[in-house]
């Protein structure tokens, strides 16, 4: 037997919610990190490394950095809007911030 997360009453092991207080027992969080949060973090690190290694006086390089920054920022916004991604939001926020800083460093 399991106990309720909300009221600590005894429940059946397969109960999805408590019959007493209605608290959800299995909120449905993913056990593994979601792909969009990981992609956001990886792309933002690649973007930051490209800003450090590129001659920033070249206009084409600046345009490329700005265009490439759209990918991690859009993946980050997508993963922030997902309801089931509570544990992975930090990766999305870090990715968006690093991408924005990379674009600012390019100019």
Protein backbone atom coordinates (compact mmCIF):
# COMPACT_ATOMS: atom_id res chain seq x y z
CA UNK A 1 0.00 0.00 0.00
CA UNK A 2 1.08 3.55 -0.71
CA UNK A 3 0.31 6.81 1.04
CA UNK A 4 -1.24 9.96 -0.45
CA UNK A 5 1.10 12.85 -1.17
CA UNK A 6 -1.51 15.36 -0.06
CA UNK A 7 -3.24 13.96 3.01
CA UNK A 8 -1.11 10.90 3.90
CA UNK A 9 -4.10 8.51 3.77
CA UNK A 10 -3.41 4.93 2.75
CA UNK A 11 -4.00 4.24 -0.97
CA UNK A 12 -3.85 1.34 -3.33
CA UNK A 13 -0.54 1.13 -5.22
CA UNK A 14 -2.17 1.68 -8.61
CA UNK A 15 -4.28 4.71 -7.57
CA UNK A 16 -3.80 7.71 -9.85
CA UNK A 17 -5.40 10.15 -7.40
CA UNK A 18 -6.51 10.17 -3.78
CA UNK A 19 -10.24 9.50 -3.21
CA UNK A 20 -10.12 11.65 -0.05
CA UNK A 21 -8.40 14.85 -1.19
CA UNK A 22 -8.06 14.35 -4.95
CA UNK A 23 -4.27 14.85 -5.02
CA UNK A 24 -2.61 13.39 -8.11
CA UNK A 25 -0.18 10.65 -7.12
CA UNK A 26 1.72 10.32 -10.38
CA UNK A 27 2.09 13.78 -11.95
CA UNK A 28 3.44 12.32 -15.19
CA UNK A 29 6.86 13.90 -15.16
CA UNK A 30 9.30 12.43 -17.59
CA UNK A 31 12.12 10.44 -16.04
CA UNK A 32 14.60 11.31 -18.77
CA UNK A 33 15.43 14.82 -19.99
CA UNK A 34 13.39 16.01 -22.92
CA UNK A 35 15.17 16.33 -26.25
CA UNK A 36 14.34 20.01 -26.84
CA UNK A 37 15.98 21.13 -23.60
CA UNK A 38 19.12 19.15 -24.41
CA UNK A 39 19.20 20.47 -27.99
CA UNK A 40 18.84 24.03 -26.66
CA UNK A 41 21.80 23.64 -24.36
CA UNK A 42 24.04 21.97 -26.96
CA UNK A 43 23.25 24.47 -29.70
CA UNK A 44 23.78 27.44 -27.40
CA UNK A 45 27.21 26.14 -26.36
CA UNK A 46 28.13 25.63 -30.02
CA UNK A 47 26.94 29.15 -30.78
CA UNK A 48 29.03 30.59 -27.95
CA UNK A 49 32.12 28.70 -29.14
CA UNK A 50 31.59 29.95 -32.68
CA UNK A 51 31.41 33.54 -31.41
CA UNK A 52 34.76 33.05 -29.68
CA UNK A 53 36.46 31.57 -32.73
CA UNK A 54 35.14 33.78 -35.53
CA UNK A 55 36.54 37.04 -36.83
CA UNK A 56 33.67 39.28 -35.79
CA UNK A 57 34.49 42.09 -38.17
CA UNK A 58 33.14 40.02 -41.03
CA UNK A 59 29.50 40.89 -41.79
CA UNK A 60 28.70 37.42 -43.09
CA UNK A 61 29.87 35.87 -39.82
CA UNK A 62 27.63 38.17 -37.82
CA UNK A 63 24.63 37.35 -39.98
CA UNK A 64 25.36 33.64 -39.63
CA UNK A 65 25.60 33.91 -35.86
CA UNK A 66 22.28 35.74 -35.67
CA UNK A 67 20.58 33.21 -37.94
CA UNK A 68 22.07 30.25 -36.05
CA UNK A 69 20.96 31.76 -32.74
CA UNK A 70 17.34 31.39 -33.81
CA UNK A 71 17.56 27.61 -33.41
CA UNK A 72 18.55 27.37 -29.73
CA UNK A 73 16.28 30.25 -28.80
CA UNK A 74 13.28 28.68 -30.56
CA UNK A 75 14.00 25.23 -29.07
CA UNK A 76 14.34 26.85 -25.65
CA UNK A 77 11.03 28.67 -25.94
CA UNK A 78 9.37 25.46 -27.12
CA UNK A 79 10.70 23.47 -24.18
CA UNK A 80 9.70 26.20 -21.72
CA UNK A 81 6.10 26.00 -22.94
CA UNK A 82 5.92 22.22 -22.41
CA UNK A 83 3.94 21.37 -19.28
CA UNK A 84 5.68 18.09 -18.54
CA UNK A 85 9.18 19.57 -18.48
CA UNK A 86 9.59 20.87 -14.97
CA UNK A 87 13.01 19.43 -14.21
CA UNK A 88 14.51 20.41 -17.55
CA UNK A 89 13.52 24.08 -17.58
CA UNK A 90 16.92 25.12 -16.26
CA UNK A 91 18.58 23.75 -19.41
CA UNK A 92 16.22 25.78 -21.58
CA UNK A 93 16.76 28.97 -19.60
CA UNK A 94 20.55 28.58 -19.64
CA UNK A 95 20.45 27.87 -23.38
CA UNK A 96 18.36 30.96 -24.13
CA UNK A 97 20.58 33.19 -21.98
CA UNK A 98 23.82 31.86 -23.50
CA UNK A 99 22.39 32.29 -27.01
CA UNK A 100 21.32 35.86 -26.30
CA UNK A 101 24.72 36.69 -24.81
CA UNK A 102 26.44 35.17 -27.83
CA UNK A 103 24.45 37.39 -30.18
CA UNK A 104 25.26 40.43 -28.05
CA UNK A 105 28.97 39.55 -28.06
CA UNK A 106 28.90 39.32 -31.85
CA UNK A 107 28.01 43.01 -32.10
